[in-house]
Protein backbone atom coordinates (compact mmCIF):
# COMPACT_ATOMS: atom_id res chain seq x y z
CA UNK A 1 40.78 -19.33 -20.16
CA UNK A 2 43.09 -16.29 -19.95
CA UNK A 3 44.79 -15.50 -16.63
CA UNK A 4 42.54 -13.51 -14.30
CA UNK A 5 43.06 -9.79 -14.08
CA UNK A 6 44.30 -8.23 -10.82
CA UNK A 7 41.55 -8.36 -8.18
CA UNK A 8 40.94 -4.63 -8.13
CA UNK A 9 40.39 -2.58 -11.28
CA UNK A 10 39.79 0.65 -9.35
CA UNK A 11 42.21 3.51 -10.01
CA UNK A 12 44.98 3.63 -7.42
CA UNK A 13 43.71 6.97 -6.09
CA UNK A 14 40.34 5.35 -5.34
CA UNK A 15 42.01 2.46 -3.52
CA UNK A 16 44.01 4.64 -1.13
CA UNK A 17 42.94 7.01 1.61
CA UNK A 18 44.52 10.40 2.27
CA UNK A 19 47.31 8.85 4.36
CA UNK A 20 48.38 6.50 1.60
CA UNK A 21 46.78 3.47 3.27
CA UNK A 22 44.40 1.15 1.47
CA UNK A 23 40.82 2.39 1.79
CA UNK A 24 38.20 -0.18 2.83
CA UNK A 25 35.21 -0.22 0.54
CA UNK A 26 31.76 0.33 1.90
CA UNK A 27 29.77 -2.86 2.27
CA UNK A 28 32.79 -5.15 2.13
CA UNK A 29 31.50 -8.57 3.17
CA UNK A 30 32.95 -10.48 6.09
CA UNK A 31 35.96 -12.46 4.92
CA UNK A 32 37.47 -9.73 2.76
CA UNK A 33 40.70 -8.25 4.07
CA UNK A 34 40.15 -5.36 6.47
CA UNK A 35 42.08 -2.94 4.26
CA UNK A 36 39.74 -3.57 1.37
CA UNK A 37 42.59 -5.11 -0.60
CA UNK A 38 41.86 -8.86 -0.81
CA UNK A 39 44.96 -10.99 -0.28
CA UNK A 40 43.99 -14.64 -0.15
CA UNK A 41 42.37 -16.48 -3.07
CA UNK A 42 39.13 -16.75 -1.04
CA UNK A 43 39.17 -12.99 -0.38
CA UNK A 44 39.73 -12.34 -4.08
CA UNK A 45 36.84 -14.64 -5.04
CA UNK A 46 34.59 -12.98 -2.46
CA UNK A 47 35.51 -9.54 -3.76
CA UNK A 48 34.86 -10.54 -7.37
CA UNK A 49 31.49 -12.09 -6.55
CA UNK A 50 30.54 -8.99 -4.57
CA UNK A 51 31.24 -6.93 -7.69
CA UNK A 52 29.17 -9.33 -9.76
CA UNK A 53 26.28 -8.86 -7.35
CA UNK A 54 26.41 -5.09 -7.84
CA UNK A 55 27.44 -5.04 -11.49
CA UNK A 56 25.90 -2.45 -13.80
CA UNK A 57 25.96 -4.55 -16.96
CA UNK A 58 25.92 -8.15 -18.14
CA UNK A 59 29.50 -7.79 -19.37
CA UNK A 60 30.68 -6.49 -16.00
CA UNK A 61 28.89 -9.28 -14.11
CA UNK A 62 30.17 -11.96 -16.48
CA UNK A 63 33.74 -10.65 -16.33
CA UNK A 64 33.78 -10.70 -12.53
CA UNK A 65 32.30 -14.20 -12.41
CA UNK A 66 34.83 -15.47 -14.96
CA UNK A 67 37.70 -14.08 -12.91
CA UNK A 68 36.27 -15.63 -9.75
CA UNK A 69 35.90 -18.95 -11.57
CA UNK A 70 39.52 -18.81 -12.76
CA UNK A 71 40.80 -18.20 -9.23
CA UNK A 72 38.56 -20.84 -7.64
CA UNK A 73 38.97 -23.49 -10.32
CA UNK A 74 42.72 -23.08 -10.59
CA UNK A 75 43.53 -23.30 -6.88
CA UNK A 76 43.67 -27.07 -6.25
CA UNK A 77 45.37 -27.90 -9.58
CA UNK A 78 47.99 -25.22 -8.96
CA UNK A 79 48.70 -26.46 -5.44
CA UNK A 80 49.30 -29.96 -6.83
CA UNK A 81 51.42 -28.56 -9.65
CA UNK A 82 53.86 -26.70 -7.37
CA UNK A 83 54.01 -29.38 -4.66
CA UNK A 84 56.48 -32.26 -4.80
CA UNK A 85 55.16 -35.24 -6.69
CA UNK A 86 54.46 -38.53 -4.92
CA UNK A 87 56.29 -41.72 -5.76
CA UNK A 88 55.36 -43.73 -8.84
CA UNK A 89 53.85 -46.41 -6.63
CA UNK A 90 51.55 -43.93 -4.89
CA UNK A 91 50.48 -42.61 -8.28
CA UNK A 92 49.77 -46.19 -9.31
CA UNK A 93 47.72 -46.70 -6.16
CA UNK A 94 45.79 -43.46 -6.75
CA UNK A 95 44.97 -44.58 -10.29
CA UNK A 96 43.82 -47.99 -9.08
CA UNK A 97 41.67 -46.33 -6.41
CA UNK A 98 40.03 -43.98 -8.88
CA UNK A 99 39.37 -46.71 -11.45
CA UNK A 100 38.21 -49.46 -9.10
CA UNK A 101 34.56 -50.62 -9.60
CA UNK A 102 33.43 -49.77 -6.07
CA UNK A 103 29.74 -50.24 -6.85
CA UNK A 104 30.45 -53.72 -8.19
CA UNK A 105 32.54 -54.57 -5.14
CA UNK A 106 29.63 -53.64 -2.89
CA UNK A 107 27.13 -55.53 -5.01
CA UNK A 108 29.39 -58.61 -4.83
CA UNK A 109 29.48 -58.32 -1.04
CA UNK A 110 33.17 -57.49 -0.90
CA UNK A 111 32.64 -54.19 0.91
CA UNK A 112 30.33 -53.45 3.80
CA UNK A 113 29.59 -49.94 2.61
CA UNK A 114 29.22 -48.33 -0.79
CA UNK A 115 32.71 -46.87 -1.11
CA UNK A 116 33.41 -43.99 -3.50
CA UNK A 117 36.52 -43.16 -5.45
CA UNK A 118 36.29 -39.62 -4.06
CA UNK A 119 37.42 -41.04 -0.70
CA UNK A 120 40.91 -41.36 -2.15
CA UNK A 121 43.05 -38.67 -0.54
CA UNK A 122 45.06 -37.94 -3.67
CA UNK A 123 48.65 -36.82 -4.01
CA UNK A 124 48.54 -33.38 -2.38
CA UNK A 125 47.09 -34.51 0.94
CA UNK A 126 49.43 -37.48 1.02
CA UNK A 127 52.43 -35.21 0.50
CA UNK A 128 51.15 -32.89 3.24
CA UNK A 129 50.92 -35.75 5.71
CA UNK A 130 54.30 -37.06 4.65
CA UNK A 131 55.78 -33.63 5.36
CA UNK A 132 54.19 -33.58 8.82
CA UNK A 133 55.79 -36.93 9.61
CA UNK A 134 59.16 -35.60 8.49
CA UNK A 135 58.83 -32.27 10.31
CA UNK A 136 57.78 -33.87 13.60
CA UNK A 137 60.24 -36.78 13.31
CA UNK A 138 57.32 -39.06 14.09
CA UNK A 139 57.89 -42.76 14.59
CA UNK A 140 54.36 -43.90 15.51
CA UNK A 141 51.39 -42.77 13.41
CA UNK A 142 47.71 -43.62 13.77
CA UNK A 143 45.47 -43.37 10.71
CA UNK A 144 41.76 -43.71 11.38
CA UNK A 145 40.24 -44.40 7.98
CA UNK A 146 42.77 -45.94 5.58
CA UNK A 147 40.60 -46.45 2.48
CA UNK A 148 43.07 -47.47 -0.25
CA UNK A 149 46.20 -46.50 1.64
CA UNK A 150 47.58 -43.64 -0.44
CA UNK A 151 48.16 -41.51 2.68
CA UNK A 152 49.29 -44.59 4.59
CA UNK A 153 52.04 -45.28 2.09
CA UNK A 154 53.05 -41.61 1.86
CA UNK A 155 53.50 -41.41 5.64
CA UNK A 156 55.29 -44.77 5.79
CA UNK A 157 57.83 -43.49 3.27
CA UNK A 158 58.78 -40.70 5.70
CA UNK A 159 59.23 -42.97 8.72
CA UNK A 160 62.52 -44.46 9.91
CA UNK A 161 62.90 -48.22 9.56
CA UNK A 162 61.63 -48.83 13.09
CA UNK A 163 58.62 -46.53 12.66
CA UNK A 164 55.08 -47.69 11.99
CA UNK A 165 51.76 -46.47 10.63
CA UNK A 166 48.81 -48.16 12.32
CA UNK A 167 46.13 -47.93 9.62
CA UNK A 168 42.58 -48.59 10.79
CA UNK A 169 39.63 -49.42 8.60
CA UNK A 170 36.34 -51.18 9.12
CA UNK A 171 36.43 -52.81 5.67
CA UNK A 172 38.33 -56.14 5.52
CA UNK A 173 38.43 -55.85 1.72
CA UNK A 174 40.54 -52.69 1.90
CA UNK A 175 43.31 -54.61 3.65
CA UNK A 176 43.21 -57.04 0.74
CA UNK A 177 43.13 -54.19 -1.81
CA UNK A 178 46.17 -52.41 -0.37
CA UNK A 179 48.31 -55.47 0.43
CA UNK A 180 49.99 -55.83 -3.01
CA UNK A 181 50.97 -52.15 -3.07
CA UNK A 182 52.34 -52.17 0.48
CA UNK A 183 54.34 -55.30 -0.34
CA UNK A 184 55.62 -53.81 -3.59
CA UNK A 185 56.80 -50.72 -1.70
CA UNK A 186 59.09 -52.79 0.51
CA UNK A 187 57.71 -50.85 3.48
CA UNK A 188 55.19 -53.40 4.68
CA UNK A 189 57.10 -53.68 7.98
CA UNK A 190 56.31 -50.00 8.61
CA UNK A 191 52.57 -50.53 8.11
CA UNK A 192 50.14 -52.44 10.30
CA UNK A 193 46.56 -52.60 9.02
CA UNK A 194 43.98 -53.15 11.78
CA UNK A 195 40.46 -54.10 10.66
CA UNK A 196 37.38 -53.40 12.75
CA UNK A 197 35.49 -50.53 14.37
CA UNK A 198 38.02 -47.76 14.97
CA UNK A 199 37.26 -47.25 18.66
CA UNK A 200 37.83 -50.95 19.32
CA UNK A 201 41.03 -50.97 17.27
CA UNK A 202 42.38 -47.96 19.16
CA UNK A 203 41.62 -49.71 22.44
CA UNK A 204 43.49 -52.85 21.31
CA UNK A 205 46.53 -50.80 20.34
CA UNK A 206 46.40 -48.95 23.66
CA UNK A 207 46.37 -52.26 25.52
CA UNK A 208 49.56 -53.17 23.66
CA UNK A 209 51.15 -49.98 24.95
CA UNK A 210 51.17 -48.22 21.59
CA UNK A 211 51.19 -44.40 21.69
CA UNK A 212 51.17 -42.01 18.76
CA UNK A 213 53.21 -39.03 17.62
CA UNK A 214 50.55 -38.22 15.02
CA UNK A 215 46.93 -39.32 14.77
CA UNK A 216 45.14 -38.69 11.47
CA UNK A 217 41.34 -38.78 11.55
CA UNK A 218 39.75 -39.45 8.18
CA UNK A 219 36.83 -41.80 8.75
CA UNK A 220 33.15 -41.52 9.66
CA UNK A 221 32.51 -37.87 10.53
CA UNK A 222 30.07 -38.68 13.31
CA UNK A 223 32.84 -40.62 15.05
CA UNK A 224 35.49 -37.88 15.06
CA UNK A 225 34.62 -36.51 18.48
CA UNK A 226 34.61 -39.96 20.05
CA UNK A 227 37.99 -40.83 18.56
CA UNK A 228 39.43 -37.51 19.67
CA UNK A 229 38.20 -37.94 23.24
CA UNK A 230 39.48 -41.51 23.31
CA UNK A 231 42.94 -40.38 22.24
CA UNK A 232 43.16 -37.33 24.48
CA UNK A 233 41.44 -38.66 27.60
CA UNK A 234 43.62 -41.78 27.62
CA UNK A 235 46.89 -39.95 26.84
CA UNK A 236 47.44 -41.89 23.63
CA UNK A 237 49.08 -38.87 22.00
CA UNK A 238 52.69 -38.47 23.17
CA UNK A 239 53.85 -35.12 24.60
CA UNK A 240 54.30 -32.76 21.69
CA UNK A 241 52.24 -35.01 19.42
CA UNK A 242 49.44 -33.81 17.16
CA UNK A 243 46.02 -34.84 15.94
CA UNK A 244 45.39 -34.07 12.26
CA UNK A 245 41.73 -33.88 11.28
CA UNK A 246 40.58 -34.22 7.67
CA UNK A 247 37.36 -32.82 6.16
CA UNK A 248 37.18 -30.11 8.82
CA UNK A 249 35.46 -27.71 6.40
CA UNK A 250 33.01 -30.31 5.09
CA UNK A 251 32.72 -28.62 1.69
CA UNK A 252 31.91 -25.34 3.41
CA UNK A 253 28.78 -26.74 4.98
CA UNK A 254 30.05 -26.22 8.52
CA UNK A 255 30.01 -22.43 8.13
CA UNK A 256 27.44 -22.08 5.35
CA UNK A 257 25.07 -24.86 6.43
CA UNK A 258 22.06 -26.25 4.64
CA UNK A 259 18.85 -26.95 6.54
CA UNK A 260 19.46 -30.61 7.45
CA UNK A 261 23.02 -31.89 7.33
CA UNK A 262 23.94 -34.57 9.82
CA UNK A 263 27.60 -34.86 8.80
CA UNK A 264 28.16 -31.11 8.76
CA UNK A 265 26.53 -30.88 12.19
CA UNK A 266 28.92 -33.56 13.49
CA UNK A 267 31.99 -31.77 12.12
CA UNK A 268 30.75 -28.41 13.42
CA UNK A 269 30.26 -29.91 16.87
CA UNK A 270 33.72 -31.47 16.70
CA UNK A 271 35.39 -28.22 15.63
CA UNK A 272 33.68 -26.27 18.39
CA UNK A 273 34.58 -28.85 21.03
CA UNK A 274 38.25 -28.88 20.04
CA UNK A 275 38.52 -25.08 19.77
CA UNK A 276 37.18 -24.84 23.34
CA UNK A 277 39.31 -27.67 24.73
CA UNK A 278 41.80 -26.01 27.13
CA UNK A 279 44.25 -28.90 26.66
CA UNK A 280 45.03 -28.06 23.04
CA UNK A 281 45.72 -25.42 20.44
CA UNK A 282 44.25 -25.82 16.97
CA UNK A 283 44.92 -24.25 13.59
CA UNK A 284 42.51 -24.76 10.68
CA UNK A 285 44.02 -24.96 7.19
CA UNK A 286 41.85 -24.72 4.06
CA UNK A 287 43.72 -27.46 2.22
CA UNK A 288 41.31 -29.37 -0.01
CA UNK A 289 38.30 -30.00 2.23
CA UNK A 290 39.99 -28.56 5.30
CA UNK A 291 42.59 -29.91 7.71
CA UNK A 292 42.86 -29.03 11.38
CA UNK A 293 46.13 -29.53 13.25
CA UNK A 294 45.55 -29.99 16.97
CA UNK A 295 48.49 -29.75 19.41
CA UNK A 296 48.45 -30.30 23.16
CA UNK A 297 49.21 -27.09 25.06
CA UNK A 298 52.28 -26.89 27.32
CA UNK A 299 51.42 -27.52 30.94
CA UNK A 300 52.37 -25.34 33.89
CA UNK A 301 54.64 -26.43 36.70
CA UNK A 302 58.29 -26.59 37.71
CA UNK A 303 61.08 -27.30 35.23
CA UNK A 304 60.50 -31.04 35.47
CA UNK A 305 56.96 -30.50 34.23
CA UNK A 306 57.57 -27.71 31.73
CA UNK A 307 61.09 -28.66 30.71
CA UNK A 308 64.28 -26.74 31.41
CA UNK A 309 63.91 -23.33 29.80
CA UNK A 310 60.52 -24.50 28.45
CA UNK A 311 62.35 -27.07 26.31
CA UNK A 312 61.20 -30.66 26.24
CA UNK A 313 63.75 -33.39 26.70
CA UNK A 314 64.45 -33.82 22.98
CA UNK A 315 64.80 -30.08 22.41
CA UNK A 316 67.57 -30.00 25.02
CA UNK A 317 69.68 -32.04 22.61
CA UNK A 318 69.27 -29.50 19.81
CA UNK A 319 72.35 -27.57 18.68
CA UNK A 320 70.57 -24.90 16.64
CA UNK A 321 72.61 -21.66 16.39
CA UNK A 322 75.70 -23.45 17.76
CA UNK A 323 79.01 -23.76 15.92
CA UNK A 324 81.12 -26.90 16.20
CA UNK A 325 84.74 -27.58 15.26
CA UNK A 326 85.93 -31.18 14.77
CA UNK A 327 89.53 -32.17 14.16
CA UNK A 328 90.37 -35.30 12.20
CA UNK A 329 86.93 -34.99 10.61
CA UNK A 330 87.88 -35.95 7.07
CA UNK A 331 87.09 -39.62 7.60
CA UNK A 332 86.00 -42.31 10.03
CA UNK A 333 84.86 -41.29 13.50
CA UNK A 334 85.40 -37.57 12.92
CA UNK A 335 83.26 -37.63 9.77
CA UNK A 336 80.47 -39.33 11.73
CA UNK A 337 80.77 -36.69 14.46
CA UNK A 338 80.49 -33.91 11.86
CA UNK A 339 77.27 -35.36 10.47
CA UNK A 340 75.81 -35.95 13.92
CA UNK A 341 76.42 -32.42 15.18
CA UNK A 342 75.26 -30.95 11.89
CA UNK A 343 72.02 -32.95 11.94
CA UNK A 344 71.43 -31.73 15.50
CA UNK A 345 71.52 -28.16 14.19
CA UNK A 346 75.10 -26.96 14.50
CA UNK A 347 77.19 -25.29 11.84
CA UNK A 348 80.33 -27.38 11.40
CA UNK A 349 84.01 -26.64 10.77
CA UNK A 350 85.53 -29.82 9.32
CA UNK A 351 89.22 -29.75 10.23
CA UNK A 352 91.71 -32.23 8.81
CA UNK A 353 95.37 -32.28 7.82
CA UNK A 354 94.11 -33.43 4.39
CA UNK A 355 92.12 -30.52 2.94
CA UNK A 356 90.69 -32.67 0.15
CA UNK A 357 89.11 -35.12 2.60
CA UNK A 358 87.71 -32.25 4.66
CA UNK A 359 86.15 -30.76 1.53
CA UNK A 360 84.54 -34.10 0.67
CA UNK A 361 82.83 -34.20 4.07
CA UNK A 362 81.74 -30.57 3.70
CA UNK A 363 80.14 -31.46 0.36
CA UNK A 364 78.19 -34.22 2.13
CA UNK A 365 77.07 -31.85 4.87
CA UNK A 366 76.03 -29.11 2.49
CA UNK A 367 74.05 -31.67 0.52
CA UNK A 368 71.99 -32.10 3.70
CA UNK A 369 71.61 -28.33 4.16
CA UNK A 370 74.21 -28.11 6.95
CA UNK A 371 76.29 -24.93 7.03
CA UNK A 372 79.91 -26.03 7.02
CA UNK A 373 83.48 -25.13 6.05
CA UNK A 374 86.66 -27.12 5.44
CA UNK A 375 89.87 -26.13 7.23
CA UNK A 376 93.32 -27.63 6.71
CA UNK A 377 95.28 -27.78 9.95
CA UNK A 378 98.05 -29.77 11.60
CA UNK A 379 97.13 -29.75 15.29
CA UNK A 380 100.69 -30.62 16.29
CA UNK A 381 101.48 -27.02 15.35
CA UNK A 382 100.37 -24.34 17.83
CA UNK A 383 99.89 -21.75 15.10
CA UNK A 384 97.54 -24.11 13.20
CA UNK A 385 95.47 -24.69 16.33
CA UNK A 386 95.05 -20.95 16.76
CA UNK A 387 94.29 -20.47 13.06
CA UNK A 388 91.62 -23.20 12.88
CA UNK A 389 89.77 -21.54 15.76
CA UNK A 390 90.09 -18.07 14.26
CA UNK A 391 88.91 -19.25 10.82
CA UNK A 392 85.92 -21.02 12.35
CA UNK A 393 84.86 -17.93 14.31
CA UNK A 394 85.33 -15.67 11.29
CA UNK A 395 83.50 -17.91 8.82
CA UNK A 396 80.70 -19.33 10.99
CA UNK A 397 80.18 -16.50 13.46
CA UNK A 398 81.40 -18.10 16.67
CA UNK A 399 82.46 -21.30 18.38
CA UNK A 400 80.55 -23.26 21.02
CA UNK A 401 81.59 -26.92 20.60
CA UNK A 402 85.02 -28.40 19.96
CA UNK A 403 85.70 -32.08 19.32
CA UNK A 404 89.41 -32.90 19.40
CA UNK A 405 89.42 -36.17 17.53
CA UNK A 406 92.59 -36.23 15.39
CA UNK A 407 94.87 -39.11 16.29
CA UNK A 408 97.10 -41.95 15.07
CA UNK A 409 97.98 -45.48 16.16
CA UNK A 410 101.28 -47.13 15.23
CA UNK A 411 101.23 -50.73 16.38
CA UNK A 412 104.47 -52.14 17.74
CA UNK A 413 105.63 -54.10 20.74
CA UNK A 414 107.22 -52.14 23.57
CA UNK A 415 110.72 -53.33 22.76
CA UNK A 416 110.31 -52.43 19.08
CA UNK A 417 108.60 -49.03 19.52
CA UNK A 418 110.91 -46.42 18.07
CA UNK A 419 111.53 -43.01 19.57
CA UNK A 420 110.18 -41.55 16.33
CA UNK A 421 106.87 -43.45 16.62
CA UNK A 422 106.56 -42.59 20.31
CA UNK A 423 107.12 -38.89 19.66
CA UNK A 424 104.78 -38.84 16.63
CA UNK A 425 102.01 -40.56 18.60
CA UNK A 426 102.29 -38.26 21.61
CA UNK A 427 102.70 -35.19 19.41
CA UNK A 428 99.32 -35.74 17.75
CA UNK A 429 97.30 -37.72 20.30
CA UNK A 430 98.34 -35.80 23.41
CA UNK A 431 100.11 -32.54 22.60
CA UNK A 432 97.71 -31.91 19.72
CA UNK A 433 94.70 -32.38 21.99
CA UNK A 434 96.12 -30.09 24.65
CA UNK A 435 97.07 -27.30 22.23
CA UNK A 436 93.66 -27.55 20.56
CA UNK A 437 92.01 -27.24 23.99
CA UNK A 438 94.15 -24.18 24.74
CA UNK A 439 93.14 -22.42 21.51
CA UNK A 440 89.47 -23.34 21.92
CA UNK A 441 89.49 -22.48 25.60
CA UNK A 442 90.61 -18.94 24.84
CA UNK A 443 87.27 -18.37 23.08
CA UNK A 444 85.17 -20.40 25.51
CA UNK A 445 86.56 -18.79 28.66
CA UNK A 446 86.04 -15.31 27.24
CA UNK A 447 82.38 -16.03 26.43
CA UNK A 448 81.88 -18.17 29.58
CA UNK A 449 80.43 -21.04 27.58
CA UNK A 450 81.84 -23.97 25.66
CA UNK A 451 81.79 -27.73 25.24
CA UNK A 452 85.06 -29.59 24.65
CA UNK A 453 84.97 -33.31 23.87
CA UNK A 454 88.26 -35.12 23.44
CA UNK A 455 88.50 -38.52 21.78
CA UNK A 456 90.27 -40.94 24.11
CA UNK A 457 89.97 -44.72 23.86
CA UNK A 458 88.83 -47.90 25.55
CA UNK A 459 92.59 -48.48 25.87
CA UNK A 460 92.47 -46.13 28.87
CA UNK A 461 90.61 -48.86 30.80
CA UNK A 462 92.44 -52.01 29.70
CA UNK A 463 95.31 -53.12 27.53
CA UNK A 464 93.79 -54.12 24.19
CA UNK A 465 95.17 -57.37 22.83
CA UNK A 466 96.55 -59.21 20.98
CA UNK A 467 97.75 -56.08 19.16
CA UNK A 468 100.63 -54.25 20.82
CA UNK A 469 100.34 -50.46 21.02
CA UNK A 470 102.10 -49.03 24.07
CA UNK A 471 102.50 -45.55 22.61
CA UNK A 472 98.83 -45.31 21.67
CA UNK A 473 97.58 -46.65 25.01
CA UNK A 474 99.77 -44.25 26.97
CA UNK A 475 98.90 -41.24 24.82
CA UNK A 476 95.16 -41.85 25.23
CA UNK A 477 95.50 -42.32 28.97
CA UNK A 478 97.09 -38.87 29.01
CA UNK A 479 94.09 -37.51 27.09
CA UNK A 480 91.79 -38.63 29.91
CA UNK A 481 93.96 -36.88 32.50
CA UNK A 482 94.14 -33.73 30.37
CA UNK A 483 90.34 -33.83 30.16
CA UNK A 484 89.89 -34.26 33.90
CA UNK A 485 92.39 -31.53 34.76
CA UNK A 486 90.90 -28.96 32.37
CA UNK A 487 87.41 -29.90 33.56
CA UNK A 488 88.35 -29.03 37.12
CA UNK A 489 90.06 -25.78 36.15
CA UNK A 490 87.36 -24.53 33.79
CA UNK A 491 84.05 -25.93 35.08
CA UNK A 492 83.19 -22.87 37.19
CA UNK A 493 84.01 -20.61 34.24
CA UNK A 494 81.30 -22.05 31.96
CA UNK A 495 83.38 -24.61 30.05
CA UNK A 496 82.54 -28.32 30.15
CA UNK A 497 85.40 -30.65 29.24
CA UNK A 498 84.69 -34.36 28.76
CA UNK A 499 86.02 -37.19 26.66
CA UNK A 500 84.63 -40.16 24.80
CA UNK A 501 86.33 -43.55 24.70
CA UNK A 502 85.24 -45.73 21.79
CA UNK A 503 85.94 -49.42 21.63
CA UNK A 504 87.28 -51.02 18.49
CA UNK A 505 85.51 -49.28 15.64
CA UNK A 506 84.95 -50.90 12.26
CA UNK A 507 86.67 -48.42 9.97
CA UNK A 508 88.70 -48.69 6.78
CA UNK A 509 91.83 -48.35 8.94
CA UNK A 510 91.08 -51.80 10.39
CA UNK A 511 89.14 -53.56 7.66
CA UNK A 512 91.70 -52.70 4.97
CA UNK A 513 94.75 -53.41 7.10
CA UNK A 514 96.59 -56.70 6.38
CA UNK A 515 97.83 -56.81 9.98
CA UNK A 516 94.66 -55.73 11.85
CA UNK A 517 91.87 -57.39 9.89
CA UNK A 518 92.99 -60.93 10.86
CA UNK A 519 92.53 -59.93 14.53
CA UNK A 520 88.82 -59.16 14.16
CA UNK A 521 87.60 -62.65 15.06
CA UNK A 522 89.64 -62.64 18.27
CA UNK A 523 88.36 -59.15 19.19
CA UNK A 524 84.78 -60.31 18.70
CA UNK A 525 85.32 -63.07 21.26
CA UNK A 526 86.26 -60.34 23.76
CA UNK A 527 83.15 -58.19 23.24
CA UNK A 528 79.84 -59.09 24.94
CA UNK A 529 77.89 -57.36 22.16
CA UNK A 530 79.51 -59.70 19.66
CA UNK A 531 80.39 -57.06 17.09
CA UNK A 532 82.72 -54.14 16.54
CA UNK A 533 81.42 -50.63 17.06
CA UNK A 534 80.22 -48.70 14.04
CA UNK A 535 80.87 -44.98 13.76
CA UNK A 536 77.08 -44.52 13.98
CA UNK A 537 77.16 -46.04 17.49
CA UNK A 538 79.09 -42.97 18.66
CA UNK A 539 76.97 -40.26 17.09
CA UNK A 540 74.27 -39.84 19.73
CA UNK A 541 76.91 -39.74 22.47
CA UNK A 542 78.73 -36.84 20.85
CA UNK A 543 75.46 -34.93 20.49
CA UNK A 544 74.70 -35.47 24.18
CA UNK A 545 78.13 -34.23 25.27
CA UNK A 546 77.89 -31.24 22.92
CA UNK A 547 74.38 -30.23 23.98
CA UNK A 548 72.95 -28.47 27.00
CA UNK A 549 71.56 -31.84 28.08
CA UNK A 550 75.02 -32.58 29.54
CA UNK A 551 75.57 -29.24 31.29
CA UNK A 552 76.34 -30.86 34.65
CA UNK A 553 78.77 -33.44 33.25
CA UNK A 554 82.43 -32.47 33.68
CA UNK A 555 85.62 -34.48 33.41
CA UNK A 556 83.77 -37.62 32.41
CA UNK A 557 85.18 -40.39 30.23
CA UNK A 558 82.16 -41.74 28.36
CA UNK A 559 83.00 -45.33 27.39
CA UNK A 560 81.24 -46.95 24.41
CA UNK A 561 82.85 -50.34 23.80
CA UNK A 562 80.11 -52.97 23.72
CA UNK A 563 81.15 -54.24 27.14
CA UNK A 564 84.71 -55.19 26.16
CA UNK A 565 86.25 -53.60 29.26
CA UNK A 566 84.05 -55.77 31.50
CA UNK A 567 85.62 -59.07 30.42
C-alpha cells in the first residue's frame, strides 16, 4: 500500500485563521488536537475516519479509510522496526512461545489454564521494560505473570550481577518451559521463578525481606488491584520505585466499553483507583495494549523526610553539570577515578604527563557518552598546573572537582636513597600536589565552591613492609598535612579539601614488577581482607568525596586498605 497522504488535504488558507493560527474545524470529535491539526497517529486516524463519515463520494470515503488503515496498521510494526532489537536468545524464546502447542499442553494436563500464544509480550515490550530497568538502575524487579519469560529475560539482561528478577506465575509448567532458555542465557542467577498464586508468592517474598525497585503487573486482570494494594500498603516498593502495569487499555474496551466485559471493568476500576490514589503519580502510555507507569509521590516533611534540596540519598551523589580534573589519570587509580566521576555525571579532564595515555582514557570515556578532554601536564611545573586548570575551564565550562593523584614510588632503603630520588619523589608527590591545589583553589575560592581530593597512602598510618620506601612514605605523610592545613584555611570559603589513602592496589606497576610481585604473598598475610585492593574498590569513595554528600567533611584522610593498618 502506498504511503498515506498528509492528514489534511484542505488548502492552507482553509486551515488557518486570520491570525495565522490553525483553525479548529467544526464538529471535531474529542481526541483530535485542539488546533484542528491532528498530531498523534490516533488523532490522524480519528480525523480520517471523521472525514470518511462525512464523505461525499465512495472514492472519498474509501481514500480516507485506506489512509486511516495505513496509519493504524503500520504503527506497531514501525515501532518494532525503529526500536533496538532483542538478543538472539529472546528472539528464539519468542519463536518458541508463538509456535508452542498450547492447546495440546492443556489437553495433556501440563497447564492449568488454556494458555494462548498472544500472551507472549514480544520484542518491543521486552525492550521497553529492559530500558526501564536500565534508566532506574533497578536491582530488584518483581514480575507478576511471567508466561514464557521473554520480558523476564530482557529485564535480567539489564540488571547488574547481583540483581534479580522475581518472576511469578501460577503455572508450574511455565517454569519448566523457560528453564532451558534461562540456563542458556547464563543469567539464571539473576532470575528466580516463584510458582503459585501471585498474592501468596508476594507475601513469601515480603517475609524474606525482599523489596522491589520495579514491579511489573501482567497477569490476571481481576487481580491487578489486589496486587497493587498489597505492594503499596505493605511498602514493598522502595522509595523512588515504580509499578508498571500492562494491558491498561484493554484493547480500548476500558474507554469504549461493550455491554458486558468483566476484564475491562476490572482494568477500568484499577485505572480509576490508581489515578485517585494520593500516594502516587501515574502516566498512561499507549504502547501496544497500554502501559501505565505508577510512581510514588514525594512526601512532605523536613529535609530528612524530603531529602536535602528535595534530593534523595542517591541523587546527592550525582555529579551532573559538574566538571572534574584528575591528574595522573592516564592509567591505574587515576583512570578508575576518571571513569567513576564520569559515570556519576561529571565532565572529566584527564590530565597526565603522557598525552597518549590520557587520550586513550578519553576515548574510553567518550565511548560511554562522558564529555571529556585530554591534557598533557607536568604538575611539578607551576606553569603546567595553571595551564591544566585554564584549559579545563575553557574546554568544559568550569571546574568543581579536582583530584590530585599523580605520584611516583622509588623503592630503596634509607641508606641507599639518593638525593635525586628523594627530590624527584617530593617534587611530584608533595610539591606537585600543593601547586595543583594552589591553581585549583584560585578558581574554587573565587566561585566559593570546590572539592579537592588528594591521593595520599596507607603509608601515612604505618610503615609498609618488607619493601623500603622512605621517600614515598614521607612525601605522602606531607600530603595529609597539606590536606589538613588547606582544609582549615579554605573550609569557610566554600572549598572542601580531603584526601584518600589507598592500601596496596593491584596494578600493573606491582604485578609486572620483578621486585614487587614476589612480595604479594607476604602483603596478603598482613591484610585482614585477604586480598589486594582493586582500583574499583576506590571508585565509590572518590564519588562520595567529590559529591555534595560529603559537604561537611573537611581535612579527612579516608583510608581504604582492607584493614591492613589494624594489624
